[in-house]
Protein backbone atom coordinates (compact mmCIF):
# COMPACT_ATOMS: atom_id res chain seq x y z
CA MET A 1 120.60 43.41 2.83
CA THR A 2 122.80 46.20 4.18
CA LEU A 3 120.04 48.73 4.74
CA GLU A 4 117.90 45.98 6.27
CA LEU A 5 120.72 45.12 8.63
CA ILE A 6 121.45 48.70 9.71
CA GLY A 7 117.79 49.58 10.16
CA ASP A 8 116.63 46.33 11.76
CA ARG A 9 114.74 47.29 14.95
CA GLU A 10 115.74 44.09 16.75
CA ILE A 11 119.42 44.75 16.00
CA GLY A 12 119.10 48.34 17.13
CA GLN A 13 117.54 47.33 20.45
CA ALA A 14 120.23 44.72 21.06
CA ALA A 15 122.98 47.23 20.19
CA VAL A 16 121.88 49.77 22.82
CA ALA A 17 123.06 47.50 25.62
CA VAL A 18 126.60 47.12 24.27
CA ARG A 19 127.54 50.69 23.40
CA THR A 20 129.91 52.36 25.86
CA ASP A 21 127.91 55.61 25.90
CA GLY A 22 124.61 53.80 26.46
CA GLY A 23 122.93 55.96 23.82
CA GLU A 24 121.28 55.15 20.54
CA PRO A 25 123.55 52.93 18.45
CA SER A 26 124.87 54.60 15.33
CA PRO A 27 124.69 52.92 11.92
CA GLU A 28 128.51 52.80 12.03
CA SER A 29 128.57 50.84 15.30
CA ILE A 30 126.01 48.34 13.97
CA ALA A 31 127.95 47.98 10.72
CA ARG A 32 131.21 47.31 12.57
CA ALA A 33 129.49 44.77 14.80
CA ALA A 34 128.31 43.07 11.61
CA TRP A 35 131.84 43.16 10.17
CA SER A 36 133.14 41.34 13.25
CA VAL A 37 130.69 38.56 12.37
CA LEU A 38 131.39 38.52 8.62
CA ALA A 39 135.18 38.65 8.42
CA GLU A 40 137.87 36.56 10.03
CA PRO A 41 140.45 38.43 12.15
CA GLY A 42 143.05 40.26 10.09
CA ASP A 43 141.09 40.11 6.81
CA GLY A 44 143.03 42.69 4.81
CA VAL A 45 140.41 43.12 2.10
CA ALA A 46 137.71 43.90 4.65
CA GLY A 47 140.09 46.18 6.52
CA ALA A 48 141.01 48.12 3.38
CA LEU A 49 137.33 48.61 2.49
CA ILE A 50 136.46 49.81 5.98
CA ARG A 51 139.42 52.21 6.12
CA GLU A 52 138.49 53.73 2.77
CA LEU A 53 134.70 53.84 3.01
CA GLY A 54 133.77 53.45 6.68
CA GLY A 55 131.86 50.52 8.12
CA VAL A 56 128.44 51.30 6.62
CA ASP A 57 129.48 51.96 3.02
CA ALA A 58 131.99 49.10 3.14
CA LEU A 59 129.18 46.77 4.19
CA GLU A 60 127.08 48.06 1.30
CA VAL A 61 129.88 47.25 -1.14
CA ALA A 62 130.60 43.89 0.46
CA LEU A 63 127.03 42.63 0.35
CA GLY A 64 125.92 44.45 -2.80
CA GLU A 65 126.97 44.23 -6.42
CA SER A 66 128.75 47.56 -6.80
CA LYS A 67 132.44 47.81 -7.64
CA VAL A 68 135.10 49.49 -5.54
CA GLY A 69 135.26 52.40 -7.92
CA SER A 70 135.71 53.30 -11.56
CA GLY A 71 139.46 53.68 -11.07
CA SER A 72 139.97 50.42 -9.23
CA THR A 73 142.35 47.88 -10.70
CA ALA A 74 141.55 44.37 -11.83
CA THR A 75 143.44 43.10 -8.81
CA ALA A 76 141.23 45.12 -6.48
CA GLN A 77 138.09 43.87 -8.18
CA ARG A 78 139.32 40.29 -7.93
CA ALA A 79 140.12 40.75 -4.24
CA LEU A 80 136.63 42.17 -3.68
CA ALA A 81 135.02 39.24 -5.47
CA GLU A 82 137.00 36.78 -3.34
CA GLY A 83 136.08 38.73 -0.23
CA ARG A 84 132.39 38.65 -1.06
CA ALA A 85 132.61 34.89 -1.49
CA ARG A 86 134.06 34.66 2.04
CA TRP A 87 131.65 37.05 3.74
CA ARG A 88 128.27 36.22 2.20
CA PRO A 89 127.88 32.76 3.80
CA ARG A 90 127.88 34.57 7.15
CA ALA A 91 125.70 37.51 6.10
CA HIS A 92 122.64 36.86 8.25
CA ALA A 93 120.91 39.39 10.48
CA ARG A 94 120.28 36.65 13.05
CA ALA A 95 124.04 36.13 13.49
CA VAL A 96 124.49 39.84 14.29
CA ILE A 97 121.53 39.82 16.67
CA ASP A 98 122.91 36.75 18.47
CA ALA A 99 126.32 38.42 18.80
CA LEU A 100 124.82 41.59 20.26
CA ARG A 101 122.51 39.75 22.63
CA GLY A 102 125.33 37.45 23.71
CA ALA A 103 127.41 40.50 24.54
CA GLY A 104 124.53 42.02 26.46
CA HIS A 105 124.10 38.87 28.53
CA VAL A 106 127.70 38.96 29.77
CA GLY A 107 127.88 42.75 30.10
CA ALA A 108 130.31 43.20 27.19
CA ARG A 109 130.71 46.55 25.44
CA LEU A 110 131.36 47.32 21.79
CA VAL A 111 134.20 49.77 21.20
CA ILE A 112 134.84 51.19 17.72
CA PRO A 113 137.28 53.72 16.22
CA GLY A 114 136.24 57.21 17.24
CA ASP A 115 135.16 56.15 20.73
CA PRO A 116 137.20 57.68 23.58
CA GLU A 117 138.14 54.15 24.66
CA TRP A 118 139.46 53.07 21.24
CA PRO A 119 143.25 52.44 21.33
CA ASP A 120 144.83 54.42 18.51
CA SER A 121 147.84 52.09 18.61
CA LEU A 122 145.79 49.47 16.77
CA GLY A 123 145.85 51.79 13.78
CA ASP A 124 149.48 50.72 13.27
CA LEU A 125 148.08 47.42 11.99
CA GLY A 126 146.79 49.23 8.91
CA GLU A 127 144.28 47.22 6.90
CA HIS A 128 144.68 44.35 9.37
CA ALA A 129 143.30 46.39 12.27
CA PRO A 130 140.06 45.05 13.81
CA PRO A 131 136.80 46.81 12.86
CA ALA A 132 135.68 46.75 16.51
CA LEU A 133 136.51 45.31 19.93
CA TRP A 134 134.19 43.50 22.33
CA VAL A 135 135.17 44.22 25.92
CA ARG A 136 134.14 42.84 29.30
CA GLY A 137 135.41 45.08 32.07
CA ASP A 138 137.01 48.50 32.14
CA THR A 139 137.20 49.80 28.56
CA ARG A 140 139.40 52.70 29.70
CA LEU A 141 142.35 50.33 30.14
CA LEU A 142 142.62 50.08 26.35
CA THR A 143 144.02 53.61 26.27
CA ALA A 144 145.72 53.73 29.67
CA SER A 145 149.50 54.22 29.53
CA PRO A 146 151.98 52.71 29.82
CA ARG A 147 151.11 49.19 28.63
CA ALA A 148 153.45 46.18 28.49
CA ALA A 149 152.70 42.91 26.69
CA ILE A 150 154.06 39.94 28.64
CA VAL A 151 153.84 36.58 26.90
CA GLY A 152 155.48 33.18 27.03
CA ALA A 153 155.18 29.43 26.92
CA ARG A 154 152.10 27.52 28.00
CA ALA A 155 154.31 24.71 29.30
CA ALA A 156 156.21 27.10 31.54
CA THR A 157 158.81 26.00 34.06
CA GLY A 158 158.93 27.08 37.67
CA TYR A 159 161.74 29.47 36.74
CA GLY A 160 159.66 31.11 33.99
CA GLU A 161 156.60 31.45 36.19
CA HIS A 162 158.67 33.01 38.99
CA ILE A 163 160.24 35.62 36.69
CA ALA A 164 156.91 36.38 34.97
CA ALA A 165 155.22 36.94 38.32
CA GLU A 166 157.99 39.24 39.53
CA ILE A 167 158.08 41.35 36.37
CA ALA A 168 154.29 41.58 35.90
CA GLY A 169 153.63 42.24 39.57
CA ASP A 170 156.25 44.98 39.82
CA LEU A 171 155.01 46.64 36.63
CA ALA A 172 151.33 46.51 37.59
CA ALA A 173 152.07 47.81 41.09
CA THR A 174 153.40 51.01 39.51
CA GLY A 175 150.43 51.49 37.19
CA VAL A 176 151.65 49.68 34.05
CA THR A 177 148.83 47.78 32.33
CA VAL A 178 149.88 44.16 31.81
CA VAL A 179 148.62 42.87 28.45
CA SER A 180 148.60 39.15 27.64
CA GLY A 181 146.58 36.34 26.07
CA GLY A 182 144.96 34.54 29.00
CA ALA A 183 146.58 31.18 28.19
CA TYR A 184 148.02 28.64 30.59
CA GLY A 185 151.61 29.16 31.69
CA ILE A 186 153.27 32.57 31.45
CA ASP A 187 150.13 34.44 30.32
CA GLY A 188 148.07 33.28 33.26
CA VAL A 189 150.88 33.98 35.73
CA ALA A 190 151.26 37.54 34.38
CA HIS A 191 147.53 38.25 34.76
CA ARG A 192 147.39 36.78 38.28
CA ALA A 193 150.44 38.75 39.37
CA ALA A 194 148.85 41.99 38.18
CA LEU A 195 145.58 41.17 39.93
CA GLY A 196 147.51 40.21 43.05
CA VAL A 197 148.83 43.76 43.45
CA ARG A 198 145.48 45.26 42.38
CA GLY A 199 147.06 46.49 39.18
CA PRO A 200 145.52 46.80 35.70
CA THR A 201 145.57 43.90 33.23
CA VAL A 202 144.05 43.17 29.81
CA ALA A 203 143.48 39.69 28.37
CA PHE A 204 142.98 39.24 24.62
CA LEU A 205 141.01 36.12 23.72
CA ALA A 206 140.95 34.13 20.47
CA GLY A 207 137.20 33.52 20.80
CA GLY A 208 134.22 35.46 22.04
CA VAL A 209 134.49 37.17 25.43
CA ASP A 210 131.58 35.03 26.60
CA ARG A 211 133.63 31.83 26.19
CA ALA A 212 136.32 30.95 28.72
CA TYR A 213 139.19 29.33 26.87
CA PRO A 214 141.04 27.60 28.31
CA SER A 215 138.14 26.45 30.47
CA GLY A 216 140.47 26.10 33.45
CA HIS A 217 140.84 29.89 33.44
CA GLN A 218 137.14 30.66 33.77
CA GLU A 219 137.60 32.01 37.29
CA LEU A 220 140.65 34.01 36.17
CA PHE A 221 138.70 35.64 33.33
CA THR A 222 135.90 36.50 35.76
CA ARG A 223 138.44 38.24 37.99
CA ILE A 224 140.01 40.05 35.03
CA ALA A 225 136.60 41.24 33.83
CA ALA A 226 135.86 42.56 37.34
CA HIS A 227 139.18 44.38 37.84
CA GLY A 228 140.65 44.70 34.33
CA ALA A 229 139.41 43.97 30.82
CA VAL A 230 138.76 40.84 28.73
CA VAL A 231 138.88 41.74 25.04
CA SER A 232 138.27 40.13 21.65
CA GLU A 233 137.76 41.25 18.08
CA LEU A 234 135.47 38.24 17.58
CA PRO A 235 131.78 38.40 18.49
CA CYS A 236 130.24 36.52 21.38
CA GLY A 237 129.70 32.88 20.53
CA ALA A 238 132.80 32.66 18.32
CA ALA A 239 134.99 29.64 19.01
CA PRO A 240 138.78 29.89 19.37
CA THR A 241 140.77 28.21 16.58
CA LYS A 242 144.46 27.89 15.80
CA TRP A 243 144.24 30.63 13.17
CA ARG A 244 142.43 32.96 15.55
CA PHE A 245 145.10 32.45 18.21
CA LEU A 246 147.77 33.48 15.72
CA ALA A 247 145.73 36.49 14.57
CA ARG A 248 145.03 37.48 18.19
CA ASN A 249 148.75 37.85 18.80
CA ARG A 250 148.96 40.91 16.56
CA LEU A 251 146.53 42.74 18.88
CA ILE A 252 148.60 41.95 21.96
CA ALA A 253 151.70 43.29 20.21
CA ALA A 254 149.92 46.38 18.89
CA LEU A 255 148.36 47.36 22.21
CA GLY A 256 151.57 46.93 24.16
CA GLN A 257 154.10 49.75 24.07
CA ALA A 258 156.68 47.02 24.46
CA THR A 259 156.55 43.23 24.29
CA VAL A 260 158.47 40.94 26.64
CA VAL A 261 158.85 37.20 26.05
CA VAL A 262 159.57 35.56 29.41
CA GLU A 263 159.96 31.95 28.34
CA ALA A 264 159.48 30.30 24.94
CA GLY A 265 160.49 27.16 23.11
CA TRP A 266 162.18 27.23 19.71
CA ARG A 267 158.81 27.15 17.90
CA SER A 268 156.67 28.79 20.56
CA GLY A 269 153.61 30.80 19.54
CA SER A 270 155.06 33.62 21.63
CA LEU A 271 157.59 34.16 18.85
CA ASN A 272 154.66 35.00 16.60
CA THR A 273 153.68 37.79 19.01
CA ALA A 274 157.31 38.94 19.09
CA GLY A 275 157.36 38.99 15.30
CA HIS A 276 154.31 41.26 15.20
CA ALA A 277 155.88 43.56 17.79
CA ALA A 278 159.09 43.86 15.78
CA ALA A 279 157.19 44.46 12.54
CA LEU A 280 155.24 47.25 14.26
CA GLY A 281 158.44 48.84 15.56
CA ARG A 282 157.58 48.09 19.18
CA PRO A 283 160.47 47.56 21.60
CA LEU A 284 161.07 43.86 22.14
CA GLY A 285 162.55 42.24 25.24
CA ALA A 286 163.41 38.64 26.13
CA VAL A 287 164.25 37.02 29.45
CA PRO A 288 167.30 34.73 29.27
CA GLY A 289 167.19 31.26 30.82
CA PRO A 290 169.47 28.28 31.34
CA VAL A 291 171.23 27.38 28.09
CA THR A 292 170.26 23.76 28.74
CA SER A 293 166.53 24.59 28.98
CA ALA A 294 164.44 23.96 25.86
CA ALA A 295 161.80 26.25 27.38
CA SER A 296 164.16 29.23 26.95
CA ALA A 297 165.46 28.37 23.46
CA GLY A 298 163.02 30.79 21.83
CA CYS A 299 164.11 33.65 24.08
CA HIS A 300 167.75 32.98 23.26
CA ARG A 301 166.83 32.97 19.58
CA LEU A 302 165.22 36.40 19.96
CA LEU A 303 168.32 37.72 21.72
CA ARG A 304 170.75 36.29 19.19
CA GLU A 305 168.94 36.66 15.88
CA TYR A 306 166.29 39.33 16.24
CA ASP A 307 167.85 42.15 18.26
CA ALA A 308 165.66 41.70 21.34
CA ARG A 309 166.86 43.44 24.49
CA CYS A 310 167.87 41.28 27.44
CA VAL A 311 165.55 42.00 30.38
CA THR A 312 165.67 40.44 33.83
CA CYS A 313 163.43 42.69 35.93
CA ALA A 314 160.65 45.26 35.74
CA ALA A 315 163.09 48.17 35.77
CA GLU A 316 164.73 46.88 32.60
CA VAL A 317 161.32 46.45 30.97
CA ARG A 318 160.55 50.09 31.70
CA GLU A 319 163.75 51.05 29.89
CA LEU A 320 162.21 49.68 26.70
CA TRP A 321 159.66 52.51 26.42
CA GLY A 322 162.16 54.90 24.84
CA ASP A 323 164.34 52.41 22.95
CA GLU A 324 164.03 51.68 19.28
CA VAL A 325 164.11 48.11 18.05
CA GLN A 326 165.15 47.28 14.53
CA GLU A 327 162.49 45.52 12.52
CA ALA A 328 162.99 41.79 12.37
CA SER A 329 161.77 39.53 9.62
CA PHE A 330 159.87 36.66 11.19
CA THR A 331 158.62 33.73 9.19
CA ARG A 332 154.85 33.64 9.10
CA PRO A 333 152.80 30.50 8.41
CA ALA A 334 153.25 29.40 4.78
CA ASP A 335 149.50 29.24 4.13
CA PRO A 336 147.13 30.44 6.87
CA ASP A 337 144.14 29.28 4.79
CA ARG A 338 145.23 25.67 5.37
CA ILE A 339 145.15 26.27 9.13
CA ARG A 340 141.67 27.78 8.94
CA LEU A 341 140.29 24.95 6.81
CA LEU A 342 141.75 22.26 9.08
CA ASP A 343 140.41 24.13 12.13
CA ALA A 344 136.93 23.89 10.63
CA LEU A 345 137.06 20.09 10.24
CA GLY A 346 136.76 17.35 12.84
CA THR A 347 137.70 13.67 12.70
CA ARG A 348 134.17 12.26 13.02
CA LYS A 349 131.36 14.26 11.44
CA PRO A 350 131.82 14.86 7.66
CA LEU A 351 131.23 18.43 6.47
CA ASP A 352 130.27 19.56 2.98
CA VAL A 353 131.89 22.48 1.18
CA GLU A 354 129.16 24.96 2.17
CA GLU A 355 129.54 24.19 5.88
CA ILE A 356 133.33 24.32 5.64
CA CYS A 357 133.04 27.77 4.04
CA ARG A 358 130.79 28.97 6.84
CA ARG A 359 133.07 27.70 9.60
CA SER A 360 136.37 28.76 8.06
CA GLY A 361 135.37 32.05 6.45
CA LEU A 362 137.00 30.96 3.17
CA ALA A 363 135.51 31.24 -0.32
CA PRO A 364 134.10 28.06 -1.94
CA ASP A 365 136.69 28.01 -4.74
CA ARG A 366 139.51 28.34 -2.19
CA VAL A 367 138.02 25.57 -0.04
CA ARG A 368 137.73 23.19 -3.00
CA ALA A 369 141.32 23.85 -4.06
CA LEU A 370 142.66 23.23 -0.56
CA LEU A 371 140.55 20.11 -0.11
CA GLY A 372 142.18 18.58 -3.18
CA LEU A 373 145.69 19.41 -1.99
CA LEU A 374 145.11 18.21 1.56
CA ASP A 375 143.52 15.01 0.26
CA LEU A 376 146.66 14.28 -1.78
CA GLU A 377 148.78 14.89 1.32
CA GLY A 378 146.70 12.43 3.34
CA MET A 379 145.44 15.12 5.70
CA LEU A 380 141.75 14.52 4.91
CA THR A 381 139.38 11.62 4.37
CA PRO A 382 136.59 12.09 1.78
CA SER A 383 133.17 10.43 2.00
CA ASP A 384 129.77 10.70 0.35
CA GLN A 385 128.68 13.06 3.12
CA GLY A 386 131.71 15.37 2.92
CA TRP A 387 135.15 15.63 4.46
CA VAL A 388 136.80 14.86 7.81
CA ARG A 389 140.36 15.22 9.06
CA ALA A 390 142.43 12.06 8.80
CA ALA A 391 142.97 10.53 12.23
CA THR A 392 146.67 9.80 11.49
CA PRO A 393 147.88 12.00 8.59
């Protein structure tokens, strides 16, 4: 399967259009494109294999029957077996061809480690680094310095939007690349402010770069692709899910040389991005707000509990470049596999175990175990045709 995939003429032709150098695609670039199809974002087993063996040999191990090595532990062999169970339901040449052709249709490029445009800062993610990035726009912005991640609440207030626009606009006007997630609220304001001063901006998506999500930002993403860069580790055609949004946040934090949270509720997803930034040793800033505002409760939490620096303007954000931030221990989701399984299910059409595995990227045994637990909790409704999410859990 691996040699077939690497040597497939149709795949090779489709890959030519998405390589940044425009030359013949290397086996490594094709293998990493395939890995972006096979593995969910942040898959540590896949990442460890690729780091140790390279994309081609890792793909051979993943889709073959060979072991990691004679000196590998039982734990490593078990992890490999579980990984194979996750990856093989997606191991189809057609899926890779569709991803490459989809990228070609929207003018996206494939960037892999070793390319001049590859951001070395993503290496700080270790085995959770992406195997490749799909980029619409200027790939050079991935390595342009300095870069500041500006994130915040979707349900932003007028105060938060005003501060985000001031900070992002001032930074971008002086050549700082504004990195964010393209969401409603603070993210969108930060991107628009950067574009408004003709400055650089990068938007990381939780789905393929050919899919505008949220749909209301389709025009914004078109503008970013024309004057900045729209980026994803997922192949074209991939749908955004809750798990992929959470995983996407680690890329925003890793690419930014500092992360600033402008406005966030107590349980805002922006705190997840802040947690990744702190774990990576990136400087972390938070904008204070009214103590009576629930929209600023998360920022105040960062300032009080997690050693974030108080920032109120672009000049104070720039001061973060040379400051060290102590690592903070943020609570991650108790079981991300539950999120992925629930993301795969709807409330109407029942899905069988095989389809749930394909959509979620989880192994069959893991899916069956979670289905039983979620059924007991009233989260799912079983039927003869499969499973659906309970309408009112």
